[in-house]
Amino acid sequence: YFTSMTLPAKVRLAVACCLNMCGACHCSDIALLGYHRKPPIVDHECLDNMCEIPTVIASCPVGAISPTQVDGKKSV
């Protein structure tokens, strides 16, 4: 049923990791929200090789994610 366009209307699904609305949770029909019980551990050795980090920093509307230096290495 969900593999074809036979539904009467499209449904907007948002996936976000916080309620800051960078996942468009405020304008979606269904929102999946991740909730961390503890802050995630940052692996600083692998972080420089991640290509998504600049877009994540730029897309946060409240500036909760910002670049910083940890032990002389770029981090989040």
Protein backbone atom coordinates (compact mmCIF):
# COMPACT_ATOMS: atom_id res chain seq x y z
CA TYR A 1 0.00 0.00 0.00
CA PHE A 2 2.81 2.43 0.83
CA THR A 3 4.89 1.55 -2.22
CA SER A 4 2.55 3.27 -4.66
CA MET A 5 0.86 6.66 -4.80
CA THR A 6 -2.64 5.34 -4.02
CA LEU A 7 -3.04 7.28 -0.77
CA PRO A 8 -5.49 10.21 -0.93
CA ALA A 9 -2.94 12.76 0.34
CA LYS A 10 0.76 12.91 1.08
CA VAL A 11 1.89 12.69 4.70
CA ARG A 12 4.82 14.78 5.90
CA LEU A 13 7.12 12.81 8.19
CA ALA A 14 9.83 14.57 10.21
CA VAL A 15 12.76 12.98 12.00
CA ALA A 16 14.64 15.15 14.51
CA CYS A 17 16.97 14.73 17.43
CA CYS A 18 15.70 17.73 19.42
CA LEU A 19 12.64 19.97 19.64
CA ASN A 20 14.44 22.98 18.13
CA MET A 21 12.54 22.38 14.89
CA CYS A 22 15.50 21.85 12.58
CA GLY A 23 13.73 18.62 11.60
CA ALA A 24 10.52 20.58 10.76
CA CYS A 25 8.62 18.90 13.59
CA HIS A 26 6.34 21.92 13.90
CA CYS A 27 4.94 21.60 10.37
CA SER A 28 4.72 17.83 9.97
CA ASP A 29 1.88 15.36 10.25
CA ILE A 30 4.00 12.75 12.04
CA ALA A 31 7.18 13.57 13.96
CA LEU A 32 9.74 11.09 15.28
CA LEU A 33 11.82 12.68 18.01
CA GLY A 34 14.97 11.17 19.46
CA TYR A 35 15.65 11.81 23.13
CA HIS A 36 19.06 11.33 24.74
CA ARG A 37 19.08 10.26 28.38
CA LYS A 38 22.79 11.12 28.51
CA PRO A 39 24.78 13.39 26.19
CA PRO A 40 26.29 11.43 23.30
CA ILE A 41 30.04 10.83 23.44
CA VAL A 42 31.94 12.60 20.67
CA ASP A 43 34.69 10.58 18.99
CA HIS A 44 37.13 13.37 18.17
CA GLU A 45 39.34 11.13 16.03
CA CYS A 46 36.53 10.37 13.56
CA LEU A 47 34.81 13.75 13.64
CA ASP A 48 37.12 15.43 11.11
CA ASN A 49 36.17 12.79 8.52
CA MET A 50 32.42 13.38 8.83
CA CYS A 51 30.97 15.44 5.99
CA GLU A 52 27.60 16.16 7.68
CA ILE A 53 29.00 18.30 10.53
CA PRO A 54 28.99 21.71 8.69
CA THR A 55 25.39 21.24 7.56
CA VAL A 56 24.29 20.17 11.04
CA ILE A 57 25.88 23.28 12.58
CA ALA A 58 24.35 25.54 9.93
CA SER A 59 20.86 24.06 10.20
CA CYS A 60 20.39 24.45 13.96
CA PRO A 61 18.08 27.49 14.33
CA VAL A 62 18.96 28.26 17.96
CA GLY A 63 22.72 27.80 17.72
CA ALA A 64 22.75 24.90 20.17
CA ILE A 65 25.39 23.17 18.05
CA SER A 66 28.55 25.19 17.60
CA PRO A 67 32.14 24.38 16.62
CA THR A 68 34.78 24.46 19.34
CA GLN A 69 38.32 23.24 20.03
CA VAL A 70 39.03 20.23 22.27
CA ASP A 71 42.69 19.41 22.87
CA GLY A 72 43.63 21.43 19.79
CA LYS A 73 41.20 19.52 17.54
CA LYS A 74 38.00 20.79 15.97
CA SER A 75 34.90 19.37 17.62
CA VAL A 76 31.21 20.03 18.13
